[in-house]
Amino acid sequence: MALVLQDGQHRVDELCEQTFMKGNWDVSKRTVLVIEDAVSTRRLVELCLAYESFEIISREDGPSGLEAALTLIPDLIVLDIALPGMDGWEILRRIRANPETVHIPVVVITAHDTPEVRAKADDSHAGGFVGKPFDLNELRTQVVGLLGSSESNVAPAV
């Protein structure tokens, strides 16, 4: 189910509940850092992943997102590319260059869903990629899949 977010927050809770409460995923409580500047998209990601019993931490700009990643060491990061203050590519580069965070799986979410951007995400050792507007099941599947196999997603330092 693809969802295009409009200016309102209508039906987000209902859609998340309908989509995610159907699954019976065995995922222990993990921390997910969501770095996204668009309030409606950030709220959608937070609500949907909360239904999977993840602890959600959110930041709305590049510098505070990077700081949270480096200090909190989350289990996974959902990262927008177009962010104020510092873009997602720079955040991803710094996460991969740090020995304390190199192991963290990252799911890139962006409205710039082109083959070139997907290739750049792959080259940057992002564990997943979801274009906007995104399919809620695809986001959930990637996050749960990466957390279930996070040890196999260790990227080399860049």
C-alpha atoms as a PDB file:
ATOM      1  CA  MET A   1       0.000   0.000   0.000  1.00  0.00           C
ATOM      2  CA  ALA A   2       1.608   3.278  -1.085  1.00  0.00           C
ATOM      3  CA  LEU A   3       0.671   6.297   0.972  1.00  0.00           C
ATOM      4  CA  VAL A   4       1.075   9.861  -0.210  1.00  0.00           C
ATOM      5  CA  LEU A   5       1.112  12.192   2.774  1.00  0.00           C
ATOM      6  CA  GLN A   6      -0.907  15.370   2.453  1.00  0.00           C
ATOM      7  CA  ASP A   7      -0.887  18.350   4.816  1.00  0.00           C
ATOM      8  CA  GLY A   8      -3.128  16.580   7.345  1.00  0.00           C
ATOM      9  CA  GLN A   9      -2.361  13.783   9.773  1.00  0.00           C
ATOM     10  CA  HIS A  10      -5.704  12.085   9.133  1.00  0.00           C
ATOM     11  CA  ARG A  11      -5.822   8.329   9.251  1.00  0.00           C
ATOM     12  CA  VAL A  12      -2.093   7.833   9.954  1.00  0.00           C
ATOM     13  CA  ASP A  13      -2.730   6.011  13.234  1.00  0.00           C
ATOM     14  CA  GLU A  14      -5.475   3.895  11.676  1.00  0.00           C
ATOM     15  CA  LEU A  15      -3.359   2.990   8.635  1.00  0.00           C
ATOM     16  CA  CYS A  16      -0.409   2.010  10.790  1.00  0.00           C
ATOM     17  CA  GLU A  17      -2.549  -0.119  13.044  1.00  0.00           C
ATOM     18  CA  GLN A  18      -4.264  -1.857  10.121  1.00  0.00           C
ATOM     19  CA  THR A  19      -0.983  -2.474   8.332  1.00  0.00           C
ATOM     20  CA  PHE A  20       1.290  -3.477  11.167  1.00  0.00           C
ATOM     21  CA  MET A  21      -0.891  -5.159  13.776  1.00  0.00           C
ATOM     22  CA  LYS A  22      -1.569  -7.955  11.286  1.00  0.00           C
ATOM     23  CA  GLY A  23       2.015  -9.199  11.480  1.00  0.00           C
ATOM     24  CA  ASN A  24       3.393 -11.318  14.287  1.00  0.00           C
ATOM     25  CA  TRP A  25       7.068 -10.413  14.145  1.00  0.00           C
ATOM     26  CA  ASP A  26       9.463 -11.701  16.768  1.00  0.00           C
ATOM     27  CA  VAL A  27      11.624  -8.642  17.302  1.00  0.00           C
ATOM     28  CA  SER A  28      12.955  -7.800  20.741  1.00  0.00           C
ATOM     29  CA  LYS A  29      12.835  -4.167  21.865  1.00  0.00           C
ATOM     30  CA  ARG A  30      15.384  -2.288  19.769  1.00  0.00           C
ATOM     31  CA  THR A  31      16.165   1.401  19.354  1.00  0.00           C
ATOM     32  CA  VAL A  32      15.498   3.066  16.010  1.00  0.00           C
ATOM     33  CA  LEU A  33      16.707   6.596  15.304  1.00  0.00           C
ATOM     34  CA  VAL A  34      14.526   8.415  12.769  1.00  0.00           C
ATOM     35  CA  ILE A  35      16.202  11.424  11.132  1.00  0.00           C
ATOM     36  CA  GLU A  36      13.543  13.168   9.038  1.00  0.00           C
ATOM     37  CA  ASP A  37      12.662  16.865   8.760  1.00  0.00           C
ATOM     38  CA  ALA A  38       9.107  16.546   7.399  1.00  0.00           C
ATOM     39  CA  VAL A  39       6.814  16.323  10.414  1.00  0.00           C
ATOM     40  CA  SER A  40       4.148  14.193   8.733  1.00  0.00           C
ATOM     41  CA  THR A  41       6.660  11.678   7.367  1.00  0.00           C
ATOM     42  CA  ARG A  42       8.552  11.520  10.663  1.00  0.00           C
ATOM     43  CA  ARG A  43       5.310  10.939  12.579  1.00  0.00           C
ATOM     44  CA  LEU A  44       4.228   8.205  10.147  1.00  0.00           C
ATOM     45  CA  VAL A  45       7.558   6.369  10.506  1.00  0.00           C
ATOM     46  CA  GLU A  46       7.467   6.746  14.302  1.00  0.00           C
ATOM     47  CA  LEU A  47       3.934   5.394  14.612  1.00  0.00           C
ATOM     48  CA  CYS A  48       4.449   2.511  12.237  1.00  0.00           C
ATOM     49  CA  LEU A  49       7.687   1.345  13.864  1.00  0.00           C
ATOM     50  CA  ALA A  50       6.254   1.812  17.348  1.00  0.00           C
ATOM     51  CA  TYR A  51       3.704  -0.872  16.453  1.00  0.00           C
ATOM     52  CA  GLU A  52       6.668  -3.221  16.118  1.00  0.00           C
ATOM     53  CA  SER A  53       7.630  -2.384  19.731  1.00  0.00           C
ATOM     54  CA  PHE A  54      10.757  -0.459  18.800  1.00  0.00           C
ATOM     55  CA  GLU A  55      11.927   2.377  21.002  1.00  0.00           C
ATOM     56  CA  ILE A  56      11.845   5.379  18.674  1.00  0.00           C
ATOM     57  CA  ILE A  57      14.126   8.399  18.931  1.00  0.00           C
ATOM     58  CA  SER A  58      13.616  11.193  16.399  1.00  0.00           C
ATOM     59  CA  ARG A  59      15.586  14.175  15.181  1.00  0.00           C
ATOM     60  CA  GLU A  60      14.497  16.742  12.607  1.00  0.00           C
ATOM     61  CA  ASP A  61      17.781  18.015  11.180  1.00  0.00           C
ATOM     62  CA  GLY A  62      21.184  16.753  10.124  1.00  0.00           C
ATOM     63  CA  PRO A  63      23.395  18.018  12.979  1.00  0.00           C
ATOM     64  CA  SER A  64      21.125  16.784  15.794  1.00  0.00           C
ATOM     65  CA  GLY A  65      20.592  13.498  13.936  1.00  0.00           C
ATOM     66  CA  LEU A  66      24.324  12.890  13.641  1.00  0.00           C
ATOM     67  CA  GLU A  67      24.855  13.793  17.294  1.00  0.00           C
ATOM     68  CA  ALA A  68      22.136  11.325  18.341  1.00  0.00           C
ATOM     69  CA  ALA A  69      23.628   8.586  16.154  1.00  0.00           C
ATOM     70  CA  LEU A  70      27.111   9.084  17.618  1.00  0.00           C
ATOM     71  CA  THR A  71      26.061   9.383  21.260  1.00  0.00           C
ATOM     72  CA  LEU A  72      23.072   7.040  21.538  1.00  0.00           C
ATOM     73  CA  ILE A  73      24.352   4.285  19.192  1.00  0.00           C
ATOM     74  CA  PRO A  74      20.889   3.098  18.041  1.00  0.00           C
ATOM     75  CA  ASP A  75      20.252  -0.369  16.650  1.00  0.00           C
ATOM     76  CA  LEU A  76      19.078   1.078  13.314  1.00  0.00           C
ATOM     77  CA  ILE A  77      18.731   4.478  11.634  1.00  0.00           C
ATOM     78  CA  VAL A  78      15.985   5.574   9.245  1.00  0.00           C
ATOM     79  CA  LEU A  79      17.634   8.449   7.383  1.00  0.00           C
ATOM     80  CA  ASP A  80      16.189  11.072   5.054  1.00  0.00           C
ATOM     81  CA  ILE A  81      18.635  12.526   2.535  1.00  0.00           C
ATOM     82  CA  ALA A  82      17.343  16.102   2.157  1.00  0.00           C
ATOM     83  CA  LEU A  83      17.817  17.518   5.664  1.00  0.00           C
ATOM     84  CA  PRO A  84      18.494  21.020   6.969  1.00  0.00           C
ATOM     85  CA  GLY A  85      21.948  21.709   8.351  1.00  0.00           C
ATOM     86  CA  MET A  86      23.635  18.594   6.951  1.00  0.00           C
ATOM     87  CA  ASP A  87      22.404  16.204   4.301  1.00  0.00           C
ATOM     88  CA  GLY A  88      21.856  12.514   4.854  1.00  0.00           C
ATOM     89  CA  TRP A  89      24.819  11.526   2.660  1.00  0.00           C
ATOM     90  CA  GLU A  90      27.204  13.356   4.998  1.00  0.00           C
ATOM     91  CA  ILE A  91      25.571  11.770   8.042  1.00  0.00           C
ATOM     92  CA  LEU A  92      25.893   8.327   6.451  1.00  0.00           C
ATOM     93  CA  ARG A  93      29.530   8.981   5.545  1.00  0.00           C
ATOM     94  CA  ARG A  94      30.361  10.004   9.123  1.00  0.00           C
ATOM     95  CA  ILE A  95      28.479   7.051  10.626  1.00  0.00           C
ATOM     96  CA  ARG A  96      30.397   4.647   8.381  1.00  0.00           C
ATOM     97  CA  ALA A  97      33.743   6.347   9.189  1.00  0.00           C
ATOM     98  CA  ASN A  98      33.275   5.965  12.953  1.00  0.00           C
ATOM     99  CA  PRO A  99      34.275   2.594  14.471  1.00  0.00           C
ATOM    100  CA  GLU A 100      31.547   2.967  17.125  1.00  0.00           C
ATOM    101  CA  THR A 101      28.753   3.342  14.537  1.00  0.00           C
ATOM    102  CA  VAL A 102      30.015   1.561  11.417  1.00  0.00           C
ATOM    103  CA  HIS A 103      27.884  -1.497  12.290  1.00  0.00           C
ATOM    104  CA  ILE A 104      24.542   0.348  12.490  1.00  0.00           C
ATOM    105  CA  PRO A 105      22.157  -0.591   9.668  1.00  0.00           C
ATOM    106  CA  VAL A 106      20.716   2.442   7.858  1.00  0.00           C
ATOM    107  CA  VAL A 107      17.537   2.621   5.787  1.00  0.00           C
ATOM    108  CA  VAL A 108      17.609   5.615   3.459  1.00  0.00           C
ATOM    109  CA  ILE A 109      14.241   7.225   2.736  1.00  0.00           C
ATOM    110  CA  THR A 110      14.035   9.886   0.049  1.00  0.00           C
ATOM    111  CA  ALA A 111      11.744  11.460  -2.501  1.00  0.00           C
ATOM    112  CA  HIS A 112      14.642  11.333  -4.979  1.00  0.00           C
ATOM    113  CA  ASP A 113      14.087   7.719  -5.980  1.00  0.00           C
ATOM    114  CA  THR A 114      16.279   7.339  -9.058  1.00  0.00           C
ATOM    115  CA  PRO A 115      18.680   4.571 -10.096  1.00  0.00           C
ATOM    116  CA  GLU A 116      21.597   6.944  -9.406  1.00  0.00           C
ATOM    117  CA  VAL A 117      20.410   7.723  -5.873  1.00  0.00           C
ATOM    118  CA  ARG A 118      19.802   4.033  -5.157  1.00  0.00           C
ATOM    119  CA  ALA A 119      23.317   3.253  -6.417  1.00  0.00           C
ATOM    120  CA  LYS A 120      24.771   5.984  -4.199  1.00  0.00           C
ATOM    121  CA  ALA A 121      22.922   4.529  -1.184  1.00  0.00           C
ATOM    122  CA  ASP A 122      24.308   1.099  -2.005  1.00  0.00           C
ATOM    123  CA  ASP A 123      27.828   2.486  -2.495  1.00  0.00           C
ATOM    124  CA  SER A 124      27.491   4.270   0.873  1.00  0.00           C
ATOM    125  CA  HIS A 125      26.686   0.943   2.565  1.00  0.00           C
ATOM    126  CA  ALA A 126      23.076   1.763   3.388  1.00  0.00           C
ATOM    127  CA  GLY A 127      21.369  -1.461   4.360  1.00  0.00           C
ATOM    128  CA  GLY A 128      18.044  -0.455   2.838  1.00  0.00           C
ATOM    129  CA  PHE A 129      16.369   2.091   0.603  1.00  0.00           C
ATOM    130  CA  VAL A 130      12.748   3.211   0.443  1.00  0.00           C
ATOM    131  CA  GLY A 131      11.544   5.842  -2.001  1.00  0.00           C
ATOM    132  CA  LYS A 132       8.855   8.350  -1.057  1.00  0.00           C
ATOM    133  CA  PRO A 133       5.970   8.033  -1.139  1.00  0.00           C
ATOM    134  CA  PHE A 134       6.761   4.751   0.529  1.00  0.00           C
ATOM    135  CA  ASP A 135       4.978   1.493   1.043  1.00  0.00           C
ATOM    136  CA  LEU A 136       4.470   0.931   4.775  1.00  0.00           C
ATOM    137  CA  ASN A 137       4.994  -2.804   4.475  1.00  0.00           C
ATOM    138  CA  GLU A 138       8.253  -2.288   2.570  1.00  0.00           C
ATOM    139  CA  LEU A 139       9.602   0.009   5.282  1.00  0.00           C
ATOM    140  CA  ARG A 140       8.615  -2.415   8.025  1.00  0.00           C
ATOM    141  CA  THR A 141      10.053  -5.405   6.163  1.00  0.00           C
ATOM    142  CA  GLN A 142      13.386  -3.678   5.602  1.00  0.00           C
ATOM    143  CA  VAL A 143      13.688  -2.475   9.215  1.00  0.00           C
ATOM    144  CA  VAL A 144      12.741  -5.823  10.724  1.00  0.00           C
ATOM    145  CA  GLY A 145      14.953  -7.685   8.230  1.00  0.00           C
ATOM    146  CA  LEU A 146      17.976  -5.508   8.964  1.00  0.00           C
ATOM    147  CA  LEU A 147      17.563  -5.783  12.712  1.00  0.00           C
ATOM    148  CA  GLY A 148      17.203  -9.526  12.418  1.00  0.00           C
ATOM    149  CA  SER A 149      20.466  -9.750  10.502  1.00  0.00           C
ATOM    150  CA  SER A 150      22.375  -6.674  11.708  1.00  0.00           C
ATOM    151  CA  GLU A 151      25.585  -8.636  12.272  1.00  0.00           C
ATOM    152  CA  SER A 152      25.753  -9.466   8.562  1.00  0.00           C
ATOM    153  CA  ASN A 153      25.337  -5.813   7.577  1.00  0.00           C
ATOM    154  CA  VAL A 154      28.590  -4.464   8.951  1.00  0.00           C
ATOM    155  CA  ALA A 155      30.090  -2.075   6.443  1.00  0.00           C
ATOM    156  CA  PRO A 156      33.781  -1.317   6.188  1.00  0.00           C
ATOM    157  CA  ALA A 157      34.951   2.100   7.359  1.00  0.00           C
ATOM    158  CA  VAL A 158      35.123   4.578   4.501  1.00  0.00           C
END
